[in-house]
PDB file of all heavy atoms in Angstrom:
ATOM      1  N   HIS A   1     -40.162 -17.191  51.617  1.00  0.00           N
ATOM      2  CA  HIS A   1     -39.928 -17.797  50.302  1.00  0.00           C
ATOM      3  C   HIS A   1     -39.830 -16.770  49.146  1.00  0.00           C
ATOM      4  O   HIS A   1     -39.638 -17.150  47.992  1.00  0.00           O
ATOM      5  CB  HIS A   1     -41.030 -18.848  49.987  1.00  0.00           C
ATOM      6  CG  HIS A   1     -40.763 -20.163  50.511  1.00  0.00           C
ATOM      7  ND1 HIS A   1     -40.697 -20.540  51.802  1.00  0.00           N
ATOM      8  CD2 HIS A   1     -40.466 -21.308  49.814  1.00  0.00           C
ATOM      9  CE1 HIS A   1     -40.419 -21.841  51.872  1.00  0.00           C
ATOM     10  NE2 HIS A   1     -40.246 -22.324  50.707  1.00  0.00           N
ATOM     11  N   TYR A   2     -40.189 -15.541  49.453  1.00  0.00           N
ATOM     12  CA  TYR A   2     -40.283 -14.558  48.384  1.00  0.00           C
ATOM     13  C   TYR A   2     -39.078 -13.677  48.189  1.00  0.00           C
ATOM     14  O   TYR A   2     -38.847 -13.074  47.062  1.00  0.00           O
ATOM     15  CB  TYR A   2     -41.535 -13.700  48.617  1.00  0.00           C
ATOM     16  CG  TYR A   2     -42.733 -14.567  48.687  1.00  0.00           C
ATOM     17  CD1 TYR A   2     -43.412 -14.824  49.891  1.00  0.00           C
ATOM     18  CD2 TYR A   2     -43.322 -15.102  47.558  1.00  0.00           C
ATOM     19  CE1 TYR A   2     -44.528 -15.679  49.971  1.00  0.00           C
ATOM     20  CE2 TYR A   2     -44.399 -15.883  47.567  1.00  0.00           C
ATOM     21  CZ  TYR A   2     -45.026 -16.125  48.819  1.00  0.00           C
ATOM     22  OH  TYR A   2     -46.161 -16.948  48.889  1.00  0.00           O
ATOM     23  N   GLU A   3     -38.271 -13.549  49.233  1.00  0.00           N
ATOM     24  CA  GLU A   3     -37.134 -12.706  49.139  1.00  0.00           C
ATOM     25  C   GLU A   3     -35.834 -13.605  48.972  1.00  0.00           C
ATOM     26  O   GLU A   3     -35.562 -14.549  49.843  1.00  0.00           O
ATOM     27  CB  GLU A   3     -36.906 -11.907  50.407  1.00  0.00           C
ATOM     28  CG  GLU A   3     -35.762 -10.940  50.277  1.00  0.00           C
ATOM     29  CD  GLU A   3     -35.570 -10.087  51.581  1.00  0.00           C
ATOM     30  OE1 GLU A   3     -36.365 -10.262  52.474  1.00  0.00           O
ATOM     31  OE2 GLU A   3     -34.699  -9.292  51.675  1.00  0.00           O
ATOM     32  N   THR A   4     -35.093 -13.450  47.880  1.00  0.00           N
ATOM     33  CA  THR A   4     -33.962 -14.288  47.655  1.00  0.00           C
ATOM     34  C   THR A   4     -32.723 -13.607  48.124  1.00  0.00           C
ATOM     35  O   THR A   4     -32.629 -12.326  48.258  1.00  0.00           O
ATOM     36  CB  THR A   4     -33.756 -14.541  46.094  1.00  0.00           C
ATOM     37  OG1 THR A   4     -33.592 -13.376  45.392  1.00  0.00           O
ATOM     38  CG2 THR A   4     -34.969 -15.324  45.542  1.00  0.00           C
ATOM     39  N   HIS A   5     -31.686 -14.352  48.411  1.00  0.00           N
ATOM     40  CA  HIS A   5     -30.453 -13.882  48.965  1.00  0.00           C
ATOM     41  C   HIS A   5     -29.259 -14.587  48.273  1.00  0.00           C
ATOM     42  O   HIS A   5     -29.432 -15.739  47.869  1.00  0.00           O
ATOM     43  CB  HIS A   5     -30.395 -14.250  50.491  1.00  0.00           C
ATOM     44  CG  HIS A   5     -31.481 -13.509  51.253  1.00  0.00           C
ATOM     45  ND1 HIS A   5     -31.486 -12.210  51.651  1.00  0.00           N
ATOM     46  CD2 HIS A   5     -32.688 -14.031  51.599  1.00  0.00           C
ATOM     47  CE1 HIS A   5     -32.705 -11.969  52.217  1.00  0.00           C
ATOM     48  NE2 HIS A   5     -33.332 -12.992  52.221  1.00  0.00           N
ATOM     49  N   PRO A   6     -28.075 -13.925  48.199  1.00  0.00           N
ATOM     50  CA  PRO A   6     -26.957 -14.477  47.449  1.00  0.00           C
ATOM     51  C   PRO A   6     -26.255 -15.635  48.180  1.00  0.00           C
ATOM     52  O   PRO A   6     -25.688 -16.496  47.544  1.00  0.00           O
ATOM     53  CB  PRO A   6     -26.011 -13.296  47.290  1.00  0.00           C
ATOM     54  CG  PRO A   6     -26.380 -12.345  48.329  1.00  0.00           C
ATOM     55  CD  PRO A   6     -27.859 -12.512  48.646  1.00  0.00           C
ATOM     56  N   THR A   7     -26.358 -15.711  49.489  1.00  0.00           N
ATOM     57  CA  THR A   7     -25.662 -16.793  50.250  1.00  0.00           C
ATOM     58  C   THR A   7     -26.522 -17.304  51.399  1.00  0.00           C
ATOM     59  O   THR A   7     -27.442 -16.571  51.825  1.00  0.00           O
ATOM     60  CB  THR A   7     -24.323 -16.285  50.826  1.00  0.00           C
ATOM     61  OG1 THR A   7     -24.618 -15.308  51.886  1.00  0.00           O
ATOM     62  CG2 THR A   7     -23.451 -15.738  49.797  1.00  0.00           C
ATOM     63  N   PRO A   8     -26.229 -18.451  51.932  1.00  0.00           N
ATOM     64  CA  PRO A   8     -26.999 -18.943  53.101  1.00  0.00           C
ATOM     65  C   PRO A   8     -26.746 -18.056  54.326  1.00  0.00           C
ATOM     66  O   PRO A   8     -27.673 -17.934  55.179  1.00  0.00           O
ATOM     67  CB  PRO A   8     -26.389 -20.401  53.308  1.00  0.00           C
ATOM     68  CG  PRO A   8     -25.890 -20.798  52.006  1.00  0.00           C
ATOM     69  CD  PRO A   8     -25.444 -19.556  51.351  1.00  0.00           C
ATOM     70  N   ARG A   9     -25.562 -17.458  54.416  1.00  0.00           N
ATOM     71  CA  ARG A   9     -25.293 -16.543  55.542  1.00  0.00           C
ATOM     72  C   ARG A   9     -26.319 -15.340  55.446  1.00  0.00           C
ATOM     73  O   ARG A   9     -26.866 -14.964  56.512  1.00  0.00           O
ATOM     74  CB  ARG A   9     -23.898 -16.040  55.545  1.00  0.00           C
ATOM     75  CG  ARG A   9     -23.612 -15.017  56.642  1.00  0.00           C
ATOM     76  CD  ARG A   9     -22.213 -14.312  56.469  1.00  0.00           C
ATOM     77  NE  ARG A   9     -21.141 -15.191  56.244  1.00  0.00           N
ATOM     78  CZ  ARG A   9     -20.166 -15.449  57.020  1.00  0.00           C
ATOM     79  NH1 ARG A   9     -20.199 -14.876  58.233  1.00  0.00           N
ATOM     80  NH2 ARG A   9     -19.155 -16.327  56.720  1.00  0.00           N
ATOM     81  N   ASP A  10     -26.534 -14.864  54.269  1.00  0.00           N
ATOM     82  CA  ASP A  10     -27.416 -13.701  54.137  1.00  0.00           C
ATOM     83  C   ASP A  10     -28.896 -14.159  54.456  1.00  0.00           C
ATOM     84  O   ASP A  10     -29.675 -13.411  54.992  1.00  0.00           O
ATOM     85  CB  ASP A  10     -27.363 -13.110  52.737  1.00  0.00           C
ATOM     86  CG  ASP A  10     -26.036 -12.503  52.423  1.00  0.00           C
ATOM     87  OD1 ASP A  10     -25.532 -11.787  53.307  1.00  0.00           O
ATOM     88  OD2 ASP A  10     -25.560 -12.633  51.328  1.00  0.00           O
ATOM     89  N   VAL A  11     -29.244 -15.377  54.096  1.00  0.00           N
ATOM     90  CA  VAL A  11     -30.497 -15.956  54.436  1.00  0.00           C
ATOM     91  C   VAL A  11     -30.729 -16.040  55.950  1.00  0.00           C
ATOM     92  O   VAL A  11     -31.779 -15.660  56.538  1.00  0.00           O
ATOM     93  CB  VAL A  11     -30.792 -17.324  53.823  1.00  0.00           C
ATOM     94  CG1 VAL A  11     -32.055 -18.014  54.298  1.00  0.00           C
ATOM     95  CG2 VAL A  11     -30.816 -17.271  52.274  1.00  0.00           C
ATOM     96  N   ALA A  12     -29.683 -16.507  56.651  1.00  0.00           N
ATOM     97  CA  ALA A  12     -29.716 -16.605  58.053  1.00  0.00           C
ATOM     98  C   ALA A  12     -29.918 -15.287  58.710  1.00  0.00           C
ATOM     99  O   ALA A  12     -30.731 -15.112  59.680  1.00  0.00           O
ATOM    100  CB  ALA A  12     -28.491 -17.375  58.642  1.00  0.00           C
ATOM    101  N   ARG A  13     -29.150 -14.289  58.274  1.00  0.00           N
ATOM    102  CA  ARG A  13     -29.320 -12.942  58.825  1.00  0.00           C
ATOM    103  C   ARG A  13     -30.641 -12.388  58.564  1.00  0.00           C
ATOM    104  O   ARG A  13     -31.258 -11.722  59.495  1.00  0.00           O
ATOM    105  CB  ARG A  13     -28.203 -12.044  58.176  1.00  0.00           C
ATOM    106  CG  ARG A  13     -26.813 -12.318  58.609  1.00  0.00           C
ATOM    107  CD  ARG A  13     -25.753 -11.549  57.941  1.00  0.00           C
ATOM    108  NE  ARG A  13     -24.449 -11.733  58.478  1.00  0.00           N
ATOM    109  CZ  ARG A  13     -23.395 -11.187  57.868  1.00  0.00           C
ATOM    110  NH1 ARG A  13     -23.439 -10.449  56.870  1.00  0.00           N
ATOM    111  NH2 ARG A  13     -22.187 -11.447  58.444  1.00  0.00           N
ATOM    112  N   ALA A  14     -31.229 -12.534  57.391  1.00  0.00           N
ATOM    113  CA  ALA A  14     -32.593 -12.099  57.158  1.00  0.00           C
ATOM    114  C   ALA A  14     -33.603 -12.765  57.993  1.00  0.00           C
ATOM    115  O   ALA A  14     -34.534 -12.127  58.461  1.00  0.00           O
ATOM    116  CB  ALA A  14     -32.902 -12.309  55.622  1.00  0.00           C
ATOM    117  N   ALA A  15     -33.426 -14.057  58.270  1.00  0.00           N
ATOM    118  CA  ALA A  15     -34.290 -14.785  59.032  1.00  0.00           C
ATOM    119  C   ALA A  15     -34.300 -14.257  60.497  1.00  0.00           C
ATOM    120  O   ALA A  15     -35.344 -14.091  61.170  1.00  0.00           O
ATOM    121  CB  ALA A  15     -34.001 -16.292  59.062  1.00  0.00           C
ATOM    122  N   VAL A  16     -33.084 -13.893  60.991  1.00  0.00           N
ATOM    123  CA  VAL A  16     -33.019 -13.326  62.342  1.00  0.00           C
ATOM    124  C   VAL A  16     -33.755 -12.062  62.358  1.00  0.00           C
ATOM    125  O   VAL A  16     -34.515 -11.775  63.381  1.00  0.00           O
ATOM    126  CB  VAL A  16     -31.451 -13.146  62.714  1.00  0.00           C
ATOM    127  CG1 VAL A  16     -31.336 -12.274  63.911  1.00  0.00           C
ATOM    128  CG2 VAL A  16     -30.832 -14.452  62.971  1.00  0.00           C
ATOM    129  N   ARG A  17     -33.596 -11.205  61.393  1.00  0.00           N
ATOM    130  CA  ARG A  17     -34.360  -9.961  61.382  1.00  0.00           C
ATOM    131  C   ARG A  17     -35.789 -10.200  61.335  1.00  0.00           C
ATOM    132  O   ARG A  17     -36.569  -9.544  62.002  1.00  0.00           O
ATOM    133  CB  ARG A  17     -33.825  -9.098  60.159  1.00  0.00           C
ATOM    134  CG  ARG A  17     -32.455  -8.512  60.293  1.00  0.00           C
ATOM    135  CD  ARG A  17     -32.164  -7.515  59.127  1.00  0.00           C
ATOM    136  NE  ARG A  17     -32.278  -8.049  57.820  1.00  0.00           N
ATOM    137  CZ  ARG A  17     -31.344  -8.625  57.164  1.00  0.00           C
ATOM    138  NH1 ARG A  17     -30.192  -8.897  57.706  1.00  0.00           N
ATOM    139  NH2 ARG A  17     -31.575  -9.064  55.931  1.00  0.00           N
ATOM    140  N   ASP A  18     -36.273 -11.156  60.465  1.00  0.00           N
ATOM    141  CA  ASP A  18     -37.707 -11.372  60.344  1.00  0.00           C
ATOM    142  C   ASP A  18     -38.272 -12.034  61.596  1.00  0.00           C
ATOM    143  O   ASP A  18     -39.447 -11.728  61.910  1.00  0.00           O
ATOM    144  CB  ASP A  18     -37.914 -12.343  59.147  1.00  0.00           C
ATOM    145  CG  ASP A  18     -37.701 -11.648  57.816  1.00  0.00           C
ATOM    146  OD1 ASP A  18     -37.650 -10.441  57.742  1.00  0.00           O
ATOM    147  OD2 ASP A  18     -37.612 -12.349  56.789  1.00  0.00           O
ATOM    148  N   LEU A  19     -37.473 -12.866  62.302  1.00  0.00           N
ATOM    149  CA  LEU A  19     -37.993 -13.478  63.522  1.00  0.00           C
ATOM    150  C   LEU A  19     -38.164 -12.442  64.553  1.00  0.00           C
ATOM    151  O   LEU A  19     -39.049 -12.631  65.512  1.00  0.00           O
ATOM    152  CB  LEU A  19     -37.099 -14.596  63.959  1.00  0.00           C
ATOM    153  CG  LEU A  19     -37.065 -15.931  63.150  1.00  0.00           C
ATOM    154  CD1 LEU A  19     -35.905 -16.744  63.486  1.00  0.00           C
ATOM    155  CD2 LEU A  19     -38.424 -16.623  63.328  1.00  0.00           C
ATOM    156  N   ASN A  20     -37.347 -11.373  64.625  1.00  0.00           N
ATOM    157  CA  ASN A  20     -37.514 -10.318  65.563  1.00  0.00           C
ATOM    158  C   ASN A  20     -37.611 -10.851  67.032  1.00  0.00           C
ATOM    159  O   ASN A  20     -38.459 -10.455  67.798  1.00  0.00           O
ATOM    160  CB  ASN A  20     -38.786  -9.485  65.240  1.00  0.00           C
ATOM    161  CG  ASN A  20     -38.732  -8.106  65.920  1.00  0.00           C
ATOM    162  OD1 ASN A  20     -37.657  -7.605  66.245  1.00  0.00           O
ATOM    163  ND2 ASN A  20     -39.926  -7.475  66.087  1.00  0.00           N
ATOM    164  N   GLY A  21     -36.710 -11.773  67.327  1.00  0.00           N
ATOM    165  CA  GLY A  21     -36.627 -12.313  68.664  1.00  0.00           C
ATOM    166  C   GLY A  21     -37.411 -13.655  68.895  1.00  0.00           C
ATOM    167  O   GLY A  21     -37.175 -14.285  69.915  1.00  0.00           O
ATOM    168  N   ALA A  22     -38.229 -14.004  68.020  1.00  0.00           N
ATOM    169  CA  ALA A  22     -39.043 -15.240  68.152  1.00  0.00           C
ATOM    170  C   ALA A  22     -38.146 -16.403  67.871  1.00  0.00           C
ATOM    171  O   ALA A  22     -37.141 -16.349  67.214  1.00  0.00           O
ATOM    172  CB  ALA A  22     -40.241 -15.258  67.173  1.00  0.00           C
ATOM    173  N   SER A  23     -38.516 -17.536  68.458  1.00  0.00           N
ATOM    174  CA  SER A  23     -37.781 -18.802  68.186  1.00  0.00           C
ATOM    175  C   SER A  23     -38.256 -19.517  66.966  1.00  0.00           C
ATOM    176  O   SER A  23     -39.436 -19.389  66.562  1.00  0.00           O
ATOM    177  CB  SER A  23     -37.966 -19.736  69.399  1.00  0.00           C
ATOM    178  OG  SER A  23     -37.405 -19.193  70.542  1.00  0.00           O
ATOM    179  N   LEU A  24     -37.339 -20.251  66.342  1.00  0.00           N
ATOM    180  CA  LEU A  24     -37.750 -21.113  65.212  1.00  0.00           C
ATOM    181  C   LEU A  24     -38.636 -22.274  65.783  1.00  0.00           C
ATOM    182  O   LEU A  24     -38.386 -22.870  66.801  1.00  0.00           O
ATOM    183  CB  LEU A  24     -36.541 -21.732  64.483  1.00  0.00           C
ATOM    184  CG  LEU A  24     -35.783 -20.802  63.527  1.00  0.00           C
ATOM    185  CD1 LEU A  24     -34.541 -21.471  63.103  1.00  0.00           C
ATOM    186  CD2 LEU A  24     -36.619 -20.448  62.395  1.00  0.00           C
ATOM    187  N   VAL A  25     -39.634 -22.645  64.944  1.00  0.00           N
ATOM    188  CA  VAL A  25     -40.444 -23.778  65.247  1.00  0.00           C
ATOM    189  C   VAL A  25     -40.095 -24.874  64.275  1.00  0.00           C
ATOM    190  O   VAL A  25     -39.974 -24.669  63.084  1.00  0.00           O
ATOM    191  CB  VAL A  25     -41.987 -23.484  65.151  1.00  0.00           C
ATOM    192  CG1 VAL A  25     -42.856 -24.614  65.349  1.00  0.00           C
ATOM    193  CG2 VAL A  25     -42.301 -22.277  66.072  1.00  0.00           C
TER     194      VAL A  25
END
């Protein structure tokens, strides 16, 4: 919630990096 992104695609990419292989719950 603290890092903003210009587009939803950028949010998805950042989430993939942050998840580091983990699955979404």
